[in-house]
Amino acid sequence: MSVNVPAAAPSTHRRALITWLAIYPTVTVVLGLIGPATARLPLLVRTLILTAIVVPVAAYLLIPALMKANAVLARR
């Protein structure tokens, strides 16, 4: 009978890398898509729109998926 032992939490450096891997491409894609449409808006409004899209996508989809992938790789 095998016991399913959870993987240890990744180091702070690895979590930072995982977060960056989620955030950088997401910001780049979203800026490419909405940049022209929001170009005339004030900076604070553009930033609000950008972060309102990027933060939920990263927090609820990308970072959990990358953390799972990291756990699979760490078990190898």
N, C-alpha and C. Protein backbone atom coordinates (compact mmCIF):
# COMPACT_ATOMS: atom_id res chain seq x y z
N MET A 1 0.85 -1.17 0.00
CA MET A 1 0.00 0.00 0.00
C MET A 1 0.90 1.24 0.00
N SER A 2 0.72 2.11 -0.96
CA SER A 2 1.57 3.31 -1.02
C SER A 2 0.84 4.49 -0.41
N VAL A 3 1.61 5.32 0.26
CA VAL A 3 1.06 6.52 0.88
C VAL A 3 1.37 7.69 -0.03
N ASN A 4 0.36 8.49 -0.30
CA ASN A 4 0.53 9.65 -1.18
C ASN A 4 1.02 10.82 -0.34
N VAL A 5 2.32 11.10 -0.42
CA VAL A 5 2.92 12.18 0.36
C VAL A 5 2.94 13.45 -0.49
N PRO A 6 2.39 14.55 0.03
CA PRO A 6 2.40 15.78 -0.76
C PRO A 6 3.82 16.31 -0.92
N ALA A 7 4.05 16.93 -2.07
CA ALA A 7 5.37 17.51 -2.33
C ALA A 7 5.58 18.71 -1.42
N ALA A 8 6.84 18.95 -1.06
CA ALA A 8 7.16 20.12 -0.26
C ALA A 8 6.88 21.38 -1.05
N ALA A 9 6.54 22.44 -0.36
CA ALA A 9 6.29 23.71 -1.03
C ALA A 9 7.57 24.19 -1.71
N PRO A 10 7.44 24.77 -2.90
CA PRO A 10 8.64 25.24 -3.59
C PRO A 10 9.28 26.40 -2.83
N SER A 11 10.56 26.58 -3.07
CA SER A 11 11.29 27.66 -2.42
C SER A 11 10.74 29.02 -2.86
N THR A 12 11.10 30.05 -2.12
CA THR A 12 10.68 31.40 -2.47
C THR A 12 11.15 31.77 -3.86
N HIS A 13 12.36 31.38 -4.21
CA HIS A 13 12.90 31.70 -5.53
C HIS A 13 12.11 30.99 -6.63
N ARG A 14 11.76 29.75 -6.40
CA ARG A 14 10.99 29.00 -7.41
C ARG A 14 9.58 29.58 -7.52
N ARG A 15 8.96 29.96 -6.40
CA ARG A 15 7.63 30.58 -6.46
C ARG A 15 7.68 31.90 -7.21
N ALA A 16 8.75 32.67 -7.01
CA ALA A 16 8.90 33.93 -7.74
C ALA A 16 9.03 33.66 -9.24
N LEU A 17 9.78 32.65 -9.61
CA LEU A 17 9.93 32.30 -11.02
C LEU A 17 8.60 31.84 -11.60
N ILE A 18 7.87 31.02 -10.87
CA ILE A 18 6.56 30.55 -11.33
C ILE A 18 5.61 31.73 -11.52
N THR A 19 5.62 32.66 -10.58
CA THR A 19 4.77 33.85 -10.69
C THR A 19 5.16 34.67 -11.90
N TRP A 20 6.46 34.85 -12.11
CA TRP A 20 6.93 35.61 -13.26
C TRP A 20 6.53 34.92 -14.56
N LEU A 21 6.64 33.59 -14.61
CA LEU A 21 6.25 32.84 -15.80
C LEU A 21 4.76 32.98 -16.10
N ALA A 22 3.96 33.24 -15.10
CA ALA A 22 2.53 33.47 -15.31
C ALA A 22 2.26 34.92 -15.70
N ILE A 23 2.91 35.85 -15.02
CA ILE A 23 2.60 37.27 -15.18
C ILE A 23 3.15 37.86 -16.48
N TYR A 24 4.41 37.64 -16.77
CA TYR A 24 5.04 38.32 -17.92
C TYR A 24 4.31 38.05 -19.24
N PRO A 25 4.08 36.77 -19.61
CA PRO A 25 3.39 36.55 -20.88
C PRO A 25 1.95 37.06 -20.86
N THR A 26 1.30 36.97 -19.70
CA THR A 26 -0.09 37.44 -19.61
C THR A 26 -0.16 38.95 -19.81
N VAL A 27 0.73 39.68 -19.14
CA VAL A 27 0.76 41.14 -19.31
C VAL A 27 1.06 41.48 -20.76
N THR A 28 2.01 40.79 -21.37
CA THR A 28 2.38 41.06 -22.75
C THR A 28 1.20 40.84 -23.70
N VAL A 29 0.50 39.73 -23.55
CA VAL A 29 -0.64 39.43 -24.42
C VAL A 29 -1.77 40.43 -24.20
N VAL A 30 -2.10 40.70 -22.93
CA VAL A 30 -3.20 41.62 -22.64
C VAL A 30 -2.87 43.02 -23.14
N LEU A 31 -1.64 43.47 -22.93
CA LEU A 31 -1.25 44.79 -23.45
C LEU A 31 -1.36 44.84 -24.96
N GLY A 32 -0.95 43.77 -25.62
CA GLY A 32 -1.06 43.72 -27.07
C GLY A 32 -2.50 43.78 -27.54
N LEU A 33 -3.40 43.16 -26.78
CA LEU A 33 -4.81 43.14 -27.17
C LEU A 33 -5.55 44.43 -26.84
N ILE A 34 -5.33 44.95 -25.64
CA ILE A 34 -6.10 46.13 -25.23
C ILE A 34 -5.32 47.43 -25.31
N GLY A 35 -4.02 47.35 -25.56
CA GLY A 35 -3.19 48.54 -25.60
C GLY A 35 -3.71 49.62 -26.53
N PRO A 36 -3.98 49.28 -27.80
CA PRO A 36 -4.47 50.31 -28.72
C PRO A 36 -5.82 50.91 -28.29
N ALA A 37 -6.68 50.09 -27.74
CA ALA A 37 -8.00 50.58 -27.33
C ALA A 37 -7.95 51.46 -26.09
N THR A 38 -6.93 51.28 -25.27
CA THR A 38 -6.83 52.05 -24.03
C THR A 38 -5.74 53.12 -24.06
N ALA A 39 -5.11 53.29 -25.21
CA ALA A 39 -3.95 54.19 -25.31
C ALA A 39 -4.27 55.62 -24.91
N ARG A 40 -5.46 56.07 -25.15
CA ARG A 40 -5.81 57.47 -24.84
C ARG A 40 -6.31 57.67 -23.41
N LEU A 41 -6.46 56.58 -22.68
CA LEU A 41 -6.92 56.69 -21.30
C LEU A 41 -5.77 57.10 -20.40
N PRO A 42 -6.09 57.70 -19.26
CA PRO A 42 -5.02 58.03 -18.30
C PRO A 42 -4.32 56.75 -17.82
N LEU A 43 -3.05 56.90 -17.46
CA LEU A 43 -2.22 55.76 -17.04
C LEU A 43 -2.88 54.96 -15.92
N LEU A 44 -3.44 55.63 -14.93
CA LEU A 44 -4.05 54.91 -13.80
C LEU A 44 -5.23 54.06 -14.25
N VAL A 45 -5.99 54.54 -15.20
CA VAL A 45 -7.14 53.78 -15.71
C VAL A 45 -6.65 52.59 -16.54
N ARG A 46 -5.64 52.80 -17.38
CA ARG A 46 -5.06 51.70 -18.17
C ARG A 46 -4.52 50.62 -17.25
N THR A 47 -3.81 51.05 -16.19
CA THR A 47 -3.25 50.08 -15.24
C THR A 47 -4.36 49.33 -14.51
N LEU A 48 -5.42 50.02 -14.14
CA LEU A 48 -6.56 49.37 -13.48
C LEU A 48 -7.17 48.31 -14.39
N ILE A 49 -7.39 48.63 -15.65
CA ILE A 49 -7.96 47.67 -16.59
C ILE A 49 -7.03 46.48 -16.77
N LEU A 50 -5.75 46.76 -16.98
CA LEU A 50 -4.76 45.69 -17.17
C LEU A 50 -4.73 44.75 -15.97
N THR A 51 -4.62 45.30 -14.78
CA THR A 51 -4.53 44.45 -13.59
C THR A 51 -5.84 43.73 -13.28
N ALA A 52 -6.98 44.34 -13.65
CA ALA A 52 -8.27 43.68 -13.44
C ALA A 52 -8.39 42.42 -14.30
N ILE A 53 -7.67 42.38 -15.40
CA ILE A 53 -7.67 41.20 -16.26
C ILE A 53 -6.56 40.23 -15.85
N VAL A 54 -5.35 40.74 -15.67
CA VAL A 54 -4.18 39.89 -15.46
C VAL A 54 -4.21 39.18 -14.11
N VAL A 55 -4.54 39.88 -13.05
CA VAL A 55 -4.47 39.28 -11.70
C VAL A 55 -5.38 38.06 -11.56
N PRO A 56 -6.66 38.14 -11.93
CA PRO A 56 -7.49 36.93 -11.79
C PRO A 56 -7.03 35.77 -12.69
N VAL A 57 -6.64 36.09 -13.93
CA VAL A 57 -6.17 35.03 -14.84
C VAL A 57 -4.95 34.34 -14.23
N ALA A 58 -4.01 35.13 -13.74
CA ALA A 58 -2.80 34.55 -13.16
C ALA A 58 -3.10 33.82 -11.85
N ALA A 59 -3.87 34.44 -10.98
CA ALA A 59 -4.10 33.87 -9.64
C ALA A 59 -4.97 32.62 -9.66
N TYR A 60 -5.97 32.58 -10.54
CA TYR A 60 -6.91 31.46 -10.52
C TYR A 60 -6.64 30.40 -11.57
N LEU A 61 -5.91 30.74 -12.63
CA LEU A 61 -5.66 29.77 -13.69
C LEU A 61 -4.18 29.41 -13.84
N LEU A 62 -3.36 30.40 -14.11
CA LEU A 62 -1.99 30.13 -14.51
C LEU A 62 -1.09 29.68 -13.36
N ILE A 63 -1.10 30.40 -12.26
CA ILE A 63 -0.21 30.03 -11.15
C ILE A 63 -0.58 28.66 -10.58
N PRO A 64 -1.86 28.35 -10.36
CA PRO A 64 -2.17 26.99 -9.89
C PRO A 64 -1.71 25.91 -10.89
N ALA A 65 -1.88 26.15 -12.18
CA ALA A 65 -1.44 25.18 -13.19
C ALA A 65 0.08 25.02 -13.16
N LEU A 66 0.79 26.13 -13.05
CA LEU A 66 2.25 26.06 -12.99
C LEU A 66 2.74 25.40 -11.69
N MET A 67 2.03 25.64 -10.59
CA MET A 67 2.40 24.99 -9.33
C MET A 67 2.20 23.48 -9.42
N LYS A 68 1.13 23.04 -10.08
CA LYS A 68 0.91 21.60 -10.27
C LYS A 68 2.01 21.01 -11.13
N ALA A 69 2.35 21.70 -12.21
CA ALA A 69 3.43 21.23 -13.08
C ALA A 69 4.75 21.16 -12.30
N ASN A 70 5.00 22.14 -11.46
CA ASN A 70 6.20 22.14 -10.64
C ASN A 70 6.21 20.94 -9.69
N ALA A 71 5.07 20.64 -9.09
CA ALA A 71 4.99 19.50 -8.17
C ALA A 71 5.27 18.20 -8.90
N VAL A 72 4.75 18.05 -10.13
CA VAL A 72 5.00 16.85 -10.91
C VAL A 72 6.49 16.74 -11.22
N LEU A 73 7.10 17.84 -11.62
CA LEU A 73 8.53 17.82 -11.92
C LEU A 73 9.36 17.55 -10.67
N ALA A 74 8.93 18.06 -9.54
CA ALA A 74 9.69 17.87 -8.29
C ALA A 74 9.65 16.43 -7.82
N ARG A 75 8.59 15.69 -8.17
CA ARG A 75 8.47 14.28 -7.76
C ARG A 75 9.34 13.34 -8.58
N ARG A 76 9.85 13.82 -9.70
CA ARG A 76 10.67 12.96 -10.59
C ARG A 76 11.97 12.61 -9.95
